[in-house]
PDB file of N, CA and C in Angstrom:
ATOM      1  N   MET A   1      45.860 125.009  49.286  1.00  0.00           N
ATOM      2  CA  MET A   1      44.700 124.317  49.047  1.00  0.00           C
ATOM      3  C   MET A   1      44.445 124.839  50.572  1.00  0.00           C
ATOM      4  N   GLU A   2      43.758 124.504  50.844  1.00  0.00           N
ATOM      5  CA  GLU A   2      43.017 123.897  52.316  1.00  0.00           C
ATOM      6  C   GLU A   2      42.298 123.000  52.197  1.00  0.00           C
ATOM      7  N   PRO A   3      42.824 122.796  53.581  1.00  0.00           N
ATOM      8  CA  PRO A   3      41.828 121.369  54.236  1.00  0.00           C
ATOM      9  C   PRO A   3      40.455 121.651  53.942  1.00  0.00           C
ATOM     10  N   ILE A   4      39.735 119.999  54.075  1.00  0.00           N
ATOM     11  CA  ILE A   4      38.957 119.666  53.895  1.00  0.00           C
ATOM     12  C   ILE A   4      38.259 120.180  55.571  1.00  0.00           C
ATOM     13  N   PRO A   5      36.984 121.157  55.916  1.00  0.00           N
ATOM     14  CA  PRO A   5      37.079 121.498  56.889  1.00  0.00           C
ATOM     15  C   PRO A   5      36.348 120.405  58.196  1.00  0.00           C
ATOM     16  N   GLN A   6      35.468 119.574  57.364  1.00  0.00           N
ATOM     17  CA  GLN A   6      35.151 118.002  58.306  1.00  0.00           C
ATOM     18  C   GLN A   6      34.218 117.491  57.055  1.00  0.00           C
ATOM     19  N   TRP A   7      35.145 116.628  57.315  1.00  0.00           N
ATOM     20  CA  TRP A   7      34.286 115.035  56.701  1.00  0.00           C
ATOM     21  C   TRP A   7      32.814 114.613  56.892  1.00  0.00           C
ATOM     22  N   ILE A   8      31.942 114.398  55.649  1.00  0.00           N
ATOM     23  CA  ILE A   8      30.205 114.269  56.308  1.00  0.00           C
ATOM     24  C   ILE A   8      30.326 112.176  56.612  1.00  0.00           C
ATOM     25  N   LYS A   9      29.989 112.365  58.029  1.00  0.00           N
ATOM     26  CA  LYS A   9      30.064 111.173  58.031  1.00  0.00           C
ATOM     27  C   LYS A   9      28.860 110.054  57.765  1.00  0.00           C
ATOM     28  N   ALA A  10      27.690 110.767  57.293  1.00  0.00           N
ATOM     29  CA  ALA A  10      26.515 110.282  56.365  1.00  0.00           C
ATOM     30  C   ALA A  10      27.189 109.369  55.906  1.00  0.00           C
ATOM     31  N   GLU A  11      28.675 109.498  54.950  1.00  0.00           N
ATOM     32  CA  GLU A  11      28.807 109.411  53.822  1.00  0.00           C
ATOM     33  C   GLU A  11      30.770 108.102  54.150  1.00  0.00           C
ATOM     34  N   VAL A  12      30.471 108.297  55.287  1.00  0.00           N
ATOM     35  CA  VAL A  12      32.092 107.312  55.851  1.00  0.00           C
ATOM     36  C   VAL A  12      31.172 106.250  56.110  1.00  0.00           C
ATOM     37  N   VAL A  13      30.963 106.434  57.137  1.00  0.00           N
ATOM     38  CA  VAL A  13      29.931 105.807  58.345  1.00  0.00           C
ATOM     39  C   VAL A  13      28.756 105.399  57.950  1.00  0.00           C
ATOM     40  N   PRO A  14      28.610 104.054  57.822  1.00  0.00           N
ATOM     41  CA  PRO A  14      27.273 103.330  57.283  1.00  0.00           C
ATOM     42  C   PRO A  14      26.645 103.986  58.106  1.00  0.00           C
ATOM     43  N   GLY A  15      24.910 104.077  57.491  1.00  0.00           N
ATOM     44  CA  GLY A  15      23.848 104.707  58.651  1.00  0.00           C
ATOM     45  C   GLY A  15      22.619 103.625  59.081  1.00  0.00           C
ATOM     46  N   SER A  16      22.592 103.093  60.412  1.00  0.00           N
ATOM     47  CA  SER A  16      21.615 102.087  61.184  1.00  0.00           C
ATOM     48  C   SER A  16      20.755 102.945  62.238  1.00  0.00           C
ATOM     49  N   GLY A  17      20.035 101.393  62.374  1.00  0.00           N
ATOM     50  CA  GLY A  17      19.017 102.065  62.702  1.00  0.00           C
ATOM     51  C   GLY A  17      17.554 101.024  62.789  1.00  0.00           C
ATOM     52  N   THR A  18      16.301 101.425  62.674  1.00  0.00           N
ATOM     53  CA  THR A  18      15.688 100.635  62.488  1.00  0.00           C
ATOM     54  C   THR A  18      13.859 100.590  61.169  1.00  0.00           C
ATOM     55  N   VAL A  19      13.451 100.105  60.306  1.00  0.00           N
ATOM     56  CA  VAL A  19      12.388 100.273  59.668  1.00  0.00           C
ATOM     57  C   VAL A  19      11.855  99.297  59.722  1.00  0.00           C
ATOM     58  N   ASN A  20      10.167 100.467  59.546  1.00  0.00           N
ATOM     59  CA  ASN A  20       9.407  99.789  58.909  1.00  0.00           C
ATOM     60  C   ASN A  20       9.423  98.557  57.434  1.00  0.00           C
ATOM     61  N   THR A  21       8.481  98.216  57.516  1.00  0.00           N
ATOM     62  CA  THR A  21       8.641  97.275  55.551  1.00  0.00           C
ATOM     63  C   THR A  21       6.927  97.173  55.553  1.00  0.00           C
ATOM     64  N   ILE A  22       6.747  97.281  55.225  1.00  0.00           N
ATOM     65  CA  ILE A  22       4.978  96.807  54.156  1.00  0.00           C
ATOM     66  C   ILE A  22       5.180  96.316  52.996  1.00  0.00           C
ATOM     67  N   GLY A  23       5.895  94.741  52.634  1.00  0.00           N
ATOM     68  CA  GLY A  23       6.031  94.821  50.850  1.00  0.00           C
ATOM     69  C   GLY A  23       7.022  94.696  50.205  1.00  0.00           C
ATOM     70  N   THR A  24       7.328  96.211  48.977  1.00  0.00           N
ATOM     71  CA  THR A  24       8.944  96.717  48.770  1.00  0.00           C
ATOM     72  C   THR A  24       8.678  98.294  49.189  1.00  0.00           C
ATOM     73  N   ALA A  25       8.251  98.905  50.546  1.00  0.00           N
ATOM     74  CA  ALA A  25       8.404 100.147  50.523  1.00  0.00           C
ATOM     75  C   ALA A  25       9.207 100.320  52.140  1.00  0.00           C
ATOM     76  N   VAL A  26      10.196 101.059  52.476  1.00  0.00           N
ATOM     77  CA  VAL A  26      10.382 101.356  54.068  1.00  0.00           C
ATOM     78  C   VAL A  26      10.813 102.664  54.269  1.00  0.00           C
ATOM     79  N   THR A  27      10.730 102.244  55.207  1.00  0.00           N
ATOM     80  CA  THR A  27      10.373 104.042  56.647  1.00  0.00           C
ATOM     81  C   THR A  27      10.640 102.961  57.581  1.00  0.00           C
ATOM     82  N   LEU A  28      11.584 105.046  57.683  1.00  0.00           N
ATOM     83  CA  LEU A  28      13.072 104.448  58.460  1.00  0.00           C
ATOM     84  C   LEU A  28      12.262 104.756  60.058  1.00  0.00           C
ATOM     85  N   ALA A  29      12.001 104.491  60.957  1.00  0.00           N
ATOM     86  CA  ALA A  29      11.299 104.298  62.578  1.00  0.00           C
ATOM     87  C   ALA A  29      12.610 104.887  62.833  1.00  0.00           C
ATOM     88  N   SER A  30      13.793 104.560  63.476  1.00  0.00           N
ATOM     89  CA  SER A  30      14.783 105.331  64.266  1.00  0.00           C
ATOM     90  C   SER A  30      15.813 105.425  63.813  1.00  0.00           C
ATOM     91  N   GLY A  31      16.851 105.799  64.094  1.00  0.00           N
ATOM     92  CA  GLY A  31      17.976 106.097  63.586  1.00  0.00           C
ATOM     93  C   GLY A  31      18.851 106.783  62.651  1.00  0.00           C
ATOM     94  N   ASP A  32      19.890 106.798  61.811  1.00  0.00           N
ATOM     95  CA  ASP A  32      19.915 107.525  60.992  1.00  0.00           C
ATOM     96  C   ASP A  32      19.280 107.387  59.661  1.00  0.00           C
ATOM     97  N   PRO A  33      19.772 109.260  59.238  1.00  0.00           N
ATOM     98  CA  PRO A  33      18.577 109.072  57.617  1.00  0.00           C
ATOM     99  C   PRO A  33      18.640 107.620  57.074  1.00  0.00           C
ATOM    100  N   PHE A  34      18.588 107.677  55.971  1.00  0.00           N
ATOM    101  CA  PHE A  34      18.862 107.028  54.447  1.00  0.00           C
ATOM    102  C   PHE A  34      19.859 107.909  53.524  1.00  0.00           C
ATOM    103  N   ILE A  35      21.506 107.378  53.380  1.00  0.00           N
ATOM    104  CA  ILE A  35      22.293 107.814  52.409  1.00  0.00           C
ATOM    105  C   ILE A  35      21.363 108.167  50.686  1.00  0.00           C
ATOM    106  N   THR A  36      20.773 109.019  51.207  1.00  0.00           N
ATOM    107  CA  THR A  36      19.908 109.116  49.030  1.00  0.00           C
ATOM    108  C   THR A  36      21.373 109.183  48.023  1.00  0.00           C
ATOM    109  N   SER A  37      22.487 109.405  48.737  1.00  0.00           N
ATOM    110  CA  SER A  37      23.113 110.109  47.787  1.00  0.00           C
ATOM    111  C   SER A  37      23.752 108.858  46.904  1.00  0.00           C
ATOM    112  N   ILE A  38      23.642 107.720  47.294  1.00  0.00           N
ATOM    113  CA  ILE A  38      24.343 106.321  47.291  1.00  0.00           C
ATOM    114  C   ILE A  38      22.991 106.097  45.882  1.00  0.00           C
ATOM    115  N   PRO A  39      23.016 105.252  44.750  1.00  0.00           N
ATOM    116  CA  PRO A  39      22.815 105.403  43.771  1.00  0.00           C
ATOM    117  C   PRO A  39      21.875 104.208  43.662  1.00  0.00           C
ATOM    118  N   ALA A  40      20.402 103.892  42.643  1.00  0.00           N
ATOM    119  CA  ALA A  40      20.114 102.529  42.851  1.00  0.00           C
ATOM    120  C   ALA A  40      20.341 101.205  42.807  1.00  0.00           C
ATOM    121  N   GLY A  41      20.097 100.865  43.246  1.00  0.00           N
ATOM    122  CA  GLY A  41      20.526  99.287  43.107  1.00  0.00           C
ATOM    123  C   GLY A  41      21.950  98.727  44.319  1.00  0.00           C
ATOM    124  N   SER A  42      22.058  99.713  44.369  1.00  0.00           N
ATOM    125  CA  SER A  42      22.926  99.467  45.444  1.00  0.00           C
ATOM    126  C   SER A  42      21.446  99.033  46.907  1.00  0.00           C
ATOM    127  N   SER A  43      22.797  98.475  48.133  1.00  0.00           N
ATOM    128  CA  SER A  43      22.113  97.589  48.980  1.00  0.00           C
ATOM    129  C   SER A  43      21.970  98.149  50.195  1.00  0.00           C
ATOM    130  N   ILE A  44      21.310  97.217  50.504  1.00  0.00           N
ATOM    131  CA  ILE A  44      20.396  97.711  52.247  1.00  0.00           C
ATOM    132  C   ILE A  44      20.646  96.430  52.928  1.00  0.00           C
ATOM    133  N   LEU A  45      20.447  96.098  54.487  1.00  0.00           N
ATOM    134  CA  LEU A  45      21.025  95.342  54.534  1.00  0.00           C
ATOM    135  C   LEU A  45      19.807  95.131  55.677  1.00  0.00           C
ATOM    136  N   ILE A  46      18.347  95.245  55.614  1.00  0.00           N
ATOM    137  CA  ILE A  46      17.127  94.614  56.748  1.00  0.00           C
ATOM    138  C   ILE A  46      17.031  93.753  57.532  1.00  0.00           C
ATOM    139  N   ASN A  47      17.580  93.104  58.702  1.00  0.00           N
ATOM    140  CA  ASN A  47      16.875  91.925  59.249  1.00  0.00           C
ATOM    141  C   ASN A  47      17.884  90.351  59.107  1.00  0.00           C
ATOM    142  N   GLY A  48      19.052  91.279  58.930  1.00  0.00           N
ATOM    143  CA  GLY A  48      19.704  90.227  58.340  1.00  0.00           C
ATOM    144  C   GLY A  48      20.114  89.870  57.073  1.00  0.00           C
ATOM    145  N   SER A  49      19.265  90.424  56.178  1.00  0.00           N
ATOM    146  CA  SER A  49      19.327  89.881  54.740  1.00  0.00           C
ATOM    147  C   SER A  49      18.968  91.077  53.489  1.00  0.00           C
ATOM    148  N   TYR A  50      20.067  91.294  53.086  1.00  0.00           N
ATOM    149  CA  TYR A  50      20.836  91.770  51.999  1.00  0.00           C
ATOM    150  C   TYR A  50      19.180  92.017  50.817  1.00  0.00           C
ATOM    151  N   ASN A  51      19.287  94.025  50.423  1.00  0.00           N
ATOM    152  CA  ASN A  51      17.884  93.880  49.673  1.00  0.00           C
ATOM    153  C   ASN A  51      18.305  95.012  48.938  1.00  0.00           C
ATOM    154  N   THR A  52      17.927  94.944  47.580  1.00  0.00           N
ATOM    155  CA  THR A  52      18.620  96.356  46.133  1.00  0.00           C
ATOM    156  C   THR A  52      17.614  96.988  46.352  1.00  0.00           C
ATOM    157  N   ILE A  53      18.324  98.454  46.734  1.00  0.00           N
ATOM    158  CA  ILE A  53      17.307  99.293  47.059  1.00  0.00           C
ATOM    159  C   ILE A  53      17.041  99.555  45.604  1.00  0.00           C
ATOM    160  N   ALA A  54      15.628 100.286  45.236  1.00  0.00           N
ATOM    161  CA  ALA A  54      15.414 100.678  43.801  1.00  0.00           C
ATOM    162  C   ALA A  54      15.246 101.744  43.894  1.00  0.00           C
ATOM    163  N   SER A  55      15.017 103.205  44.640  1.00  0.00           N
ATOM    164  CA  SER A  55      14.918 104.160  44.635  1.00  0.00           C
ATOM    165  C   SER A  55      14.514 104.352  45.755  1.00  0.00           C
ATOM    166  N   PHE A  56      14.929 106.319  46.122  1.00  0.00           N
ATOM    167  CA  PHE A  56      14.787 106.740  47.946  1.00  0.00           C
ATOM    168  C   PHE A  56      13.400 108.399  47.125  1.00  0.00           C
ATOM    169  N   THR A  57      12.370 107.601  47.858  1.00  0.00           N
ATOM    170  CA  THR A  57      11.299 109.280  47.947  1.00  0.00           C
ATOM    171  C   THR A  57      12.525 110.197  48.680  1.00  0.00           C
ATOM    172  N   ASP A  58      12.988 109.895  49.961  1.00  0.00           N
ATOM    173  CA  ASP A  58      13.908 111.325  50.362  1.00  0.00           C
ATOM    174  C   ASP A  58      14.727 110.007  51.587  1.00  0.00           C
ATOM    175  N   SER A  59      15.101 110.904  52.461  1.00  0.00           N
ATOM    176  CA  SER A  59      15.585 110.214  53.902  1.00  0.00           C
ATOM    177  C   SER A  59      14.824 109.442  54.286  1.00  0.00           C
ATOM    178  N   THR A  60      13.688 109.311  54.631  1.00  0.00           N
ATOM    179  CA  THR A  60      13.426 108.416  55.541  1.00  0.00           C
ATOM    180  C   THR A  60      12.597 107.829  55.367  1.00  0.00           C
ATOM    181  N   HIS A  61      11.821 107.764  53.124  1.00  0.00           N
ATOM    182  CA  HIS A  61      11.748 106.499  52.635  1.00  0.00           C
ATOM    183  C   HIS A  61      11.842 105.800  51.362  1.00  0.00           C
ATOM    184  N   LEU A  62      12.502 104.488  51.338  1.00  0.00           N
ATOM    185  CA  LEU A  62      12.764 104.053  50.249  1.00  0.00           C
ATOM    186  C   LEU A  62      12.412 102.715  49.831  1.00  0.00           C
ATOM    187  N   THR A  63      12.155 102.656  48.238  1.00  0.00           N
ATOM    188  CA  THR A  63      11.633 101.362  47.682  1.00  0.00           C
ATOM    189  C   THR A  63      12.186 100.473  47.530  1.00  0.00           C
ATOM    190  N   LEU A  64      12.457  98.671  47.559  1.00  0.00           N
ATOM    191  CA  LEU A  64      13.303  98.670  47.502  1.00  0.00           C
ATOM    192  C   LEU A  64      12.776  97.330  45.644  1.00  0.00           C
ATOM    193  N   THR A  65      13.119  96.768  45.588  1.00  0.00           N
ATOM    194  CA  THR A  65      13.278  95.519  43.944  1.00  0.00           C
ATOM    195  C   THR A  65      12.647  94.309  44.512  1.00  0.00           C
ATOM    196  N   ALA A  66      12.221  93.758  45.467  1.00  0.00           N
ATOM    197  CA  ALA A  66      11.787  92.436  45.951  1.00  0.00           C
ATOM    198  C   ALA A  66      10.705  93.147  47.391  1.00  0.00           C
ATOM    199  N   SER A  67      10.407  92.178  47.272  1.00  0.00           N
ATOM    200  CA  SER A  67       9.391  92.401  48.684  1.00  0.00           C
ATOM    201  C   SER A  67       9.665  91.622  49.296  1.00  0.00           C
ATOM    202  N   VAL A  68       9.880  92.631  51.327  1.00  0.00           N
ATOM    203  CA  VAL A  68      10.816  92.192  52.605  1.00  0.00           C
ATOM    204  C   VAL A  68       9.723  91.600  53.285  1.00  0.00           C
ATOM    205  N   GLY A  69       7.894  91.418  53.558  1.00  0.00           N
ATOM    206  CA  GLY A  69       6.859  91.486  54.008  1.00  0.00           C
ATOM    207  C   GLY A  69       6.738  92.411  54.538  1.00  0.00           C
ATOM    208  N   THR A  70       5.571  92.311  55.860  1.00  0.00           N
ATOM    209  CA  THR A  70       5.859  93.282  56.618  1.00  0.00           C
ATOM    210  C   THR A  70       5.780  93.202  58.099  1.00  0.00           C
ATOM    211  N   GLN A  71       7.214  94.050  58.246  1.00  0.00           N
ATOM    212  CA  GLN A  71       8.069  94.029  59.283  1.00  0.00           C
ATOM    213  C   GLN A  71       7.737  95.628  60.489  1.00  0.00           C
ATOM    214  N   THR A  72       7.813  95.355  61.527  1.00  0.00           N
ATOM    215  CA  THR A  72       7.872  96.364  62.369  1.00  0.00           C
ATOM    216  C   THR A  72       9.328  96.646  62.766  1.00  0.00           C
ATOM    217  N   GLY A  73      10.360  97.678  62.760  1.00  0.00           N
ATOM    218  CA  GLY A  73      11.326  97.734  64.278  1.00  0.00           C
ATOM    219  C   GLY A  73      12.311  97.142  63.381  1.00  0.00           C
ATOM    220  N   ALA A  74      12.909  96.918  62.773  1.00  0.00           N
ATOM    221  CA  ALA A  74      13.370  96.011  62.069  1.00  0.00           C
ATOM    222  C   ALA A  74      15.325  96.638  61.865  1.00  0.00           C
ATOM    223  N   SER A  75      15.897  96.277  61.899  1.00  0.00           N
ATOM    224  CA  SER A  75      17.022  96.216  62.485  1.00  0.00           C
ATOM    225  C   SER A  75      18.014  96.766  61.056  1.00  0.00           C
ATOM    226  N   TYR A  76      18.868  98.198  60.816  1.00  0.00           N
ATOM    227  CA  TYR A  76      18.593  98.413  58.874  1.00  0.00           C
ATOM    228  C   TYR A  76      20.334  98.402  59.657  1.00  0.00           C
ATOM    229  N   THR A  77      20.878  98.263  58.411  1.00  0.00           N
ATOM    230  CA  THR A  77      22.496  98.694  57.799  1.00  0.00           C
ATOM    231  C   THR A  77      22.835  99.550  56.051  1.00  0.00           C
ATOM    232  N   MET A  78      22.475 101.067  56.743  1.00  0.00           N
ATOM    233  CA  MET A  78      22.931 100.752  54.812  1.00  0.00           C
ATOM    234  C   MET A  78      24.539 100.091  54.535  1.00  0.00           C
ATOM    235  N   ALA A  79      24.452  98.757  53.258  1.00  0.00           N
ATOM    236  CA  ALA A  79      25.001  98.900  53.171  1.00  0.00           C
ATOM    237  C   ALA A  79      26.630  99.131  52.101  1.00  0.00           C
ATOM    238  N   SER A  80      26.045 100.061  50.995  1.00  0.00           N
ATOM    239  CA  SER A  80      26.489 100.733  50.380  1.00  0.00           C
ATOM    240  C   SER A  80      27.596 101.782  50.438  1.00  0.00           C
ATOM    241  N   THR A  81      28.201 102.078  50.894  1.00  0.00           N
ATOM    242  CA  THR A  81      28.637 103.813  51.354  1.00  0.00           C
ATOM    243  C   THR A  81      29.774 104.118  50.181  1.00  0.00           C
ATOM    244  N   GLY A  82      30.310 105.587  50.122  1.00  0.00           N
ATOM    245  CA  GLY A  82      31.483 105.912  50.198  1.00  0.00           C
ATOM    246  C   GLY A  82      31.403 106.855  50.590  1.00  0.00           C
ATOM    247  N   LEU A  83      33.317 107.948  49.768  1.00  0.00           N
ATOM    248  CA  LEU A  83      33.433 108.694  50.113  1.00  0.00           C
ATOM    249  C   LEU A  83      33.265 109.568  49.417  1.00  0.00           C
ATOM    250  N   ARG A  84      32.773 110.920  49.545  1.00  0.00           N
ATOM    251  CA  ARG A  84      33.234 112.023  48.836  1.00  0.00           C
ATOM    252  C   ARG A  84      33.547 113.514  48.642  1.00  0.00           C
ATOM    253  N   ILE A  85      34.725 113.465  47.495  1.00  0.00           N
ATOM    254  CA  ILE A  85      36.021 114.345  47.632  1.00  0.00           C
ATOM    255  C   ILE A  85      34.863 115.343  47.120  1.00  0.00           C
ATOM    256  N   ALA A  86      34.760 116.467  47.602  1.00  0.00           N
ATOM    257  CA  ALA A  86      34.221 118.194  46.989  1.00  0.00           C
ATOM    258  C   ALA A  86      35.499 119.095  47.294  1.00  0.00           C
ATOM    259  N   ASN A  87      35.247 120.193  45.763  1.00  0.00           N
ATOM    260  CA  ASN A  87      36.491 120.790  46.506  1.00  0.00           C
ATOM    261  C   ASN A  87      35.394 121.991  47.443  1.00  0.00           C
ATOM    262  N   ILE A  88      35.755 122.317  47.969  1.00  0.00           N
ATOM    263  CA  ILE A  88      35.193 123.703  49.014  1.00  0.00           C
ATOM    264  C   ILE A  88      34.628 124.631  48.608  1.00  0.00           C
ATOM    265  N   THR A  89      36.035 125.283  48.164  1.00  0.00           N
ATOM    266  CA  THR A  89      35.744 126.377  47.631  1.00  0.00           C
ATOM    267  C   THR A  89      35.813 126.799  46.090  1.00  0.00           C
ATOM    268  N   GLY A  90      36.152 126.041  45.082  1.00  0.00           N
ATOM    269  CA  GLY A  90      34.867 126.371  43.799  1.00  0.00           C
ATOM    270  C   GLY A  90      35.931 126.224  42.866  1.00  0.00           C
ATOM    271  N   THR A  91      37.340 126.211  42.975  1.00  0.00           N
ATOM    272  CA  THR A  91      38.680 127.511  42.882  1.00  0.00           C
ATOM    273  C   THR A  91      40.167 125.889  42.755  1.00  0.00           C
ATOM    274  N   GLY A  92      40.399 125.994  41.215  1.00  0.00           N
ATOM    275  CA  GLY A  92      40.820 125.113  41.533  1.00  0.00           C
ATOM    276  C   GLY A  92      40.886 123.502  40.501  1.00  0.00           C
ATOM    277  N   SER A  93      41.114 122.811  40.940  1.00  0.00           N
ATOM    278  CA  SER A  93      40.726 121.393  40.442  1.00  0.00           C
ATOM    279  C   SER A  93      41.671 120.535  41.218  1.00  0.00           C
ATOM    280  N   PHE A  94      41.180 119.088  41.269  1.00  0.00           N
ATOM    281  CA  PHE A  94      41.918 117.955  41.581  1.00  0.00           C
ATOM    282  C   PHE A  94      42.217 116.673  40.367  1.00  0.00           C
ATOM    283  N   ARG A  95      43.569 116.214  41.447  1.00  0.00           N
ATOM    284  CA  ARG A  95      45.038 115.475  40.905  1.00  0.00           C
ATOM    285  C   ARG A  95      44.923 113.895  40.820  1.00  0.00           C
TER     286      ARG A  95
END
């Protein structure tokens, strides 16, 4: 089996940057795109407070389960990340 040619950085290192919020709507302002492969119910740290993600629209928009008010340029860090293991060649199996 050949080694995996590269790690997918966004799934190993938590994304961070700044966001704008209005109620439960969150829009990326700058920094790393949101990691949309994490499940709903995961956490995102916004301006020092953990918040629960209800859903993603795309890699720049998400919805929270509760309002965080109106904020502009608030810092964010994706709090739930993981490591994806993929069979790049499409043959064989994992053990």
